């Protein structure tokens, strides 16, 4: 994570909530593509173009489906699917920004950034634990799938489609048990690190606000403001 070129965590934490709220106020999905392209260049800047390309292709697919369903506004079931695709496209943008933060920011950098931004500990500590929790769950889910293959439970790639109820049962039950244990372990790790202490923390992580960070932050703010202005005009 530290080997990747990235921007200052304070810029990331500022752009993520603004972009997330803006995405749900923009009615025209095509305008969101501008923010998707901006996030794409952030991924390119950090050398993660494959992951960014998957996000863009998925967003384009959702937009094409949305355009196709928009031609049948009378059917109620079509309208329900249309609304689901509409919200899924917004969540794709949020997932893209969130994935960039989790992949390019360590816990120590995140804590230091939150301390510099004067964020209360009641918000900063759960957020830092969440930053570790999501990647850990992904690793556990991958290990669970491999375990089911070894035990002969999942015999083909189409097992989730042929037996969805069984697949959910075999996946969710052990995953929920692991989530409880992992949350306890992360909470104990946070206490050992002294995250709940009222004393001033000493950190080895040094954050430097560079000119590149400022330019990227201003570009992101300009794009978001431009989208809001275009939305109000049209």
Protein backbone atom coordinates (compact mmCIF):
# COMPACT_ATOMS: atom_id res chain seq x y z
CA UNK A 1 0.00 0.00 0.00
CA UNK A 2 2.83 2.39 0.84
CA UNK A 3 4.57 1.61 -2.48
CA UNK A 4 1.72 3.12 -4.50
CA UNK A 5 1.71 6.74 -5.55
CA UNK A 6 -1.31 8.36 -3.97
CA UNK A 7 -2.73 11.65 -2.78
CA UNK A 8 -3.02 13.02 0.73
CA UNK A 9 -5.64 11.16 2.85
CA UNK A 10 -7.23 14.47 3.81
CA UNK A 11 -8.10 15.10 0.17
CA UNK A 12 -9.62 11.63 -0.09
CA UNK A 13 -11.70 12.07 3.05
CA UNK A 14 -12.95 15.43 1.79
CA UNK A 15 -13.86 14.31 -1.72
CA UNK A 16 -15.57 11.04 -0.74
CA UNK A 17 -18.55 12.44 1.25
CA UNK A 18 -19.01 15.37 -1.14
CA UNK A 19 -19.02 13.12 -4.20
CA UNK A 20 -21.30 10.61 -2.47
CA UNK A 21 -23.95 13.19 -1.56
CA UNK A 22 -23.68 14.87 -4.96
CA UNK A 23 -24.27 11.61 -6.83
CA UNK A 24 -27.76 11.26 -5.35
CA UNK A 25 -28.72 14.84 -6.23
CA UNK A 26 -27.77 14.42 -9.89
CA UNK A 27 -30.78 13.09 -11.79
CA UNK A 28 -29.00 12.57 -15.11
CA UNK A 29 -26.76 9.51 -14.86
CA UNK A 30 -24.57 10.62 -17.74
CA UNK A 31 -23.33 13.54 -15.62
CA UNK A 32 -21.99 11.05 -13.09
CA UNK A 33 -19.71 9.66 -15.78
CA UNK A 34 -17.57 12.79 -15.34
CA UNK A 35 -16.96 11.86 -11.70
CA UNK A 36 -16.34 8.24 -12.74
CA UNK A 37 -13.65 9.44 -15.16
CA UNK A 38 -12.12 11.59 -12.40
CA UNK A 39 -11.98 8.57 -10.08
CA UNK A 40 -10.54 6.56 -12.98
CA UNK A 41 -7.62 8.97 -13.27
CA UNK A 42 -7.05 8.69 -9.51
CA UNK A 43 -6.73 4.93 -9.96
CA UNK A 44 -4.36 5.47 -12.89
CA UNK A 45 -2.29 7.84 -10.75
CA UNK A 46 -1.91 5.04 -8.19
CA UNK A 47 -1.25 2.35 -10.81
CA UNK A 48 -4.54 0.45 -10.43
CA UNK A 49 -5.95 0.76 -13.96
CA UNK A 50 -7.36 -2.80 -14.10
CA UNK A 51 -9.61 -2.26 -11.08
CA UNK A 52 -10.67 1.15 -12.39
CA UNK A 53 -11.50 -0.32 -15.81
CA UNK A 54 -13.80 -2.88 -14.19
CA UNK A 55 -15.66 -0.11 -12.38
CA UNK A 56 -16.10 1.89 -15.58
CA UNK A 57 -17.32 -1.11 -17.59
CA UNK A 58 -19.81 -1.97 -14.86
CA UNK A 59 -21.06 1.63 -14.76
CA UNK A 60 -21.45 1.71 -18.56
CA UNK A 61 -23.40 -1.55 -18.40
CA UNK A 62 -25.75 -0.11 -15.78
CA UNK A 63 -26.24 3.03 -17.84
CA UNK A 64 -27.06 1.03 -20.99
CA UNK A 65 -29.63 -1.01 -19.03
CA UNK A 66 -31.07 2.22 -17.60
CA UNK A 67 -31.46 3.66 -21.10
CA UNK A 68 -33.16 0.48 -22.30
CA UNK A 69 -35.61 0.37 -19.39
CA UNK A 70 -36.41 4.06 -19.81
CA UNK A 71 -38.31 3.23 -23.01
CA UNK A 72 -40.92 1.25 -21.04
CA UNK A 73 -42.05 3.65 -18.28
CA UNK A 74 -45.60 2.25 -18.08
CA UNK A 75 -44.80 -1.18 -16.64
CA UNK A 76 -44.48 -1.12 -12.85
CA UNK A 77 -41.99 -4.00 -12.69
CA UNK A 78 -39.82 -2.25 -15.27
CA UNK A 79 -39.96 0.95 -13.22
CA UNK A 80 -38.85 -0.97 -10.10
CA UNK A 81 -35.89 -2.44 -11.97
CA UNK A 82 -35.13 0.99 -13.40
CA UNK A 83 -34.96 2.51 -9.91
CA UNK A 84 -32.71 -0.33 -8.73
CA UNK A 85 -30.31 0.30 -11.62
CA UNK A 86 -30.52 4.04 -10.92
CA UNK A 87 -29.36 3.60 -7.30
CA UNK A 88 -26.82 0.91 -8.27
CA UNK A 89 -25.08 3.38 -10.60
CA UNK A 90 -24.78 5.86 -7.71
CA UNK A 91 -23.46 3.18 -5.39
CA UNK A 92 -20.88 2.22 -8.04
CA UNK A 93 -19.43 5.72 -7.85
CA UNK A 94 -19.33 5.59 -4.04
CA UNK A 95 -17.74 2.11 -4.13
CA UNK A 96 -15.13 3.40 -6.57
CA UNK A 97 -14.08 6.25 -4.28
CA UNK A 98 -14.29 4.03 -1.19
CA UNK A 99 -12.23 1.29 -2.82
CA UNK A 100 -9.57 3.81 -3.73
CA UNK A 101 -9.30 4.93 -0.11
CA UNK A 102 -9.06 1.40 1.30
CA UNK A 103 -6.47 0.32 -1.28
CA UNK A 104 -4.17 3.34 -1.02
CA UNK A 105 -4.44 4.37 2.65
CA UNK A 106 -3.02 2.56 5.64
CA UNK A 107 -4.68 2.67 9.05
CA UNK A 108 -1.90 4.80 10.52
CA UNK A 109 -2.23 7.32 7.68
CA UNK A 110 -5.98 7.42 8.15
CA UNK A 111 -5.72 8.00 11.89
CA UNK A 112 -3.16 10.75 11.43
CA UNK A 113 -5.32 12.41 8.78
CA UNK A 114 -8.38 12.29 11.04
CA UNK A 115 -6.34 13.76 13.91
CA UNK A 116 -5.09 16.57 11.68
CA UNK A 117 -8.68 17.28 10.59
CA UNK A 118 -9.77 17.47 14.27
CA UNK A 119 -12.31 14.66 13.81
CA UNK A 120 -13.70 13.38 17.15
CA UNK A 121 -12.38 10.03 18.32
CA UNK A 122 -15.92 8.66 18.44
CA UNK A 123 -15.92 8.94 14.63
CA UNK A 124 -12.26 8.36 13.85
CA UNK A 125 -11.80 5.09 15.75
CA UNK A 126 -14.81 3.25 14.22
CA UNK A 127 -13.82 4.52 10.79
CA UNK A 128 -10.27 3.22 11.15
CA UNK A 129 -11.56 -0.16 12.36
CA UNK A 130 -13.92 -0.27 9.37
CA UNK A 131 -10.95 0.39 7.10
CA UNK A 132 -9.37 -2.82 8.35
CA UNK A 133 -12.63 -4.75 8.62
CA UNK A 134 -13.72 -4.66 4.95
CA UNK A 135 -10.48 -6.07 3.42
CA UNK A 136 -10.36 -8.73 6.14
CA UNK A 137 -13.89 -9.88 5.31
CA UNK A 138 -12.94 -10.14 1.62
CA UNK A 139 -10.04 -12.42 2.55
CA UNK A 140 -12.29 -14.52 4.77
CA UNK A 141 -14.91 -14.82 2.02
CA UNK A 142 -12.30 -15.97 -0.48
CA UNK A 143 -10.98 -18.55 2.00
CA UNK A 144 -14.54 -19.73 2.66
CA UNK A 145 -15.16 -20.31 -1.05
CA UNK A 146 -11.95 -22.30 -1.36
CA UNK A 147 -12.94 -24.34 1.69
CA UNK A 148 -16.32 -25.20 0.15
CA UNK A 149 -14.60 -26.36 -3.05
CA UNK A 150 -12.18 -28.57 -1.12
CA UNK A 151 -15.03 -30.16 0.86
CA UNK A 152 -16.98 -30.81 -2.32
CA UNK A 153 -19.90 -28.57 -1.36
CA UNK A 154 -19.58 -26.36 -4.43
CA UNK A 155 -19.12 -28.65 -7.41
CA UNK A 156 -19.43 -26.14 -10.25
CA UNK A 157 -19.36 -22.43 -11.03
CA UNK A 158 -23.12 -22.45 -11.52
CA UNK A 159 -23.86 -23.75 -8.02
CA UNK A 160 -24.89 -20.28 -6.71
CA UNK A 161 -27.40 -19.98 -9.58
CA UNK A 162 -28.73 -23.55 -9.35
CA UNK A 163 -28.95 -23.60 -5.53
CA UNK A 164 -29.10 -19.97 -4.34
CA UNK A 165 -30.70 -20.74 -0.94
CA UNK A 166 -28.14 -23.41 -0.10
CA UNK A 167 -25.28 -21.21 -1.27
CA UNK A 168 -26.46 -18.33 0.92
CA UNK A 169 -26.77 -20.66 3.91
CA UNK A 170 -23.33 -22.22 3.38
CA UNK A 171 -21.77 -18.78 2.94
CA UNK A 172 -23.56 -16.43 5.34
CA UNK A 173 -23.65 -18.62 8.46
CA UNK A 174 -19.88 -19.22 8.77
CA UNK A 175 -19.17 -15.69 7.51
CA UNK A 176 -21.32 -14.15 10.24
CA UNK A 177 -19.53 -16.23 12.85
CA UNK A 178 -16.17 -15.07 11.51
CA UNK A 179 -17.35 -11.46 11.44
CA UNK A 180 -18.14 -11.60 15.16
CA UNK A 181 -14.70 -12.99 15.94
CA UNK A 182 -12.91 -10.55 13.64
CA UNK A 183 -14.73 -7.56 15.16
CA UNK A 184 -13.63 -8.69 18.64
CA UNK A 185 -10.04 -9.08 17.45
CA UNK A 186 -9.99 -5.65 15.81
CA UNK A 187 -11.51 -4.06 18.91
CA UNK A 188 -8.86 -5.69 21.11
CA UNK A 189 -6.14 -4.55 18.70
CA UNK A 190 -7.48 -0.98 18.88
CA UNK A 191 -7.38 -1.04 22.69
CA UNK A 192 -3.83 -2.42 22.70
CA UNK A 193 -2.73 0.36 20.35
CA UNK A 194 -4.18 2.89 22.78
CA UNK A 195 -6.70 4.37 20.38
CA UNK A 196 -9.11 5.10 23.23
CA UNK A 197 -6.51 6.97 25.25
CA UNK A 198 -7.04 10.68 25.91
CA UNK A 199 -3.32 11.34 25.74
CA UNK A 200 -1.79 12.90 22.64
CA UNK A 201 -0.84 10.20 20.16
CA UNK A 202 2.68 9.86 18.80
CA UNK A 203 2.82 8.57 15.24
CA UNK A 204 5.64 7.71 12.85
CA UNK A 205 3.47 8.52 9.86
CA UNK A 206 4.27 11.89 8.33
CA UNK A 207 1.68 13.53 6.09
CA UNK A 208 2.89 16.08 3.58
CA UNK A 209 0.47 18.28 1.69
CA UNK A 210 2.02 18.63 -1.79
CA UNK A 211 1.14 20.81 -4.75
CA UNK A 212 -0.17 17.76 -6.60
CA UNK A 213 -2.61 17.05 -3.77
CA UNK A 214 -3.89 20.62 -3.89
CA UNK A 215 -4.37 20.52 -7.67
CA UNK A 216 -6.22 17.20 -7.55
CA UNK A 217 -8.43 18.43 -4.71
CA UNK A 218 -9.27 21.64 -6.57
CA UNK A 219 -9.97 19.67 -9.76
CA UNK A 220 -12.35 17.36 -7.90
CA UNK A 221 -14.13 20.31 -6.26
CA UNK A 222 -14.43 22.07 -9.64
CA UNK A 223 -15.92 18.98 -11.31
CA UNK A 224 -18.48 18.53 -8.52
CA UNK A 225 -19.44 22.22 -8.63
CA UNK A 226 -19.72 22.09 -12.44
CA UNK A 227 -22.04 19.10 -12.24
CA UNK A 228 -24.29 20.88 -9.73
CA UNK A 229 -24.45 24.00 -11.94
CA UNK A 230 -25.30 21.96 -15.06
CA UNK A 231 -27.96 20.08 -13.10
CA UNK A 232 -29.60 23.32 -11.97
CA UNK A 233 -29.51 24.81 -15.48
CA UNK A 234 -31.01 21.79 -17.23
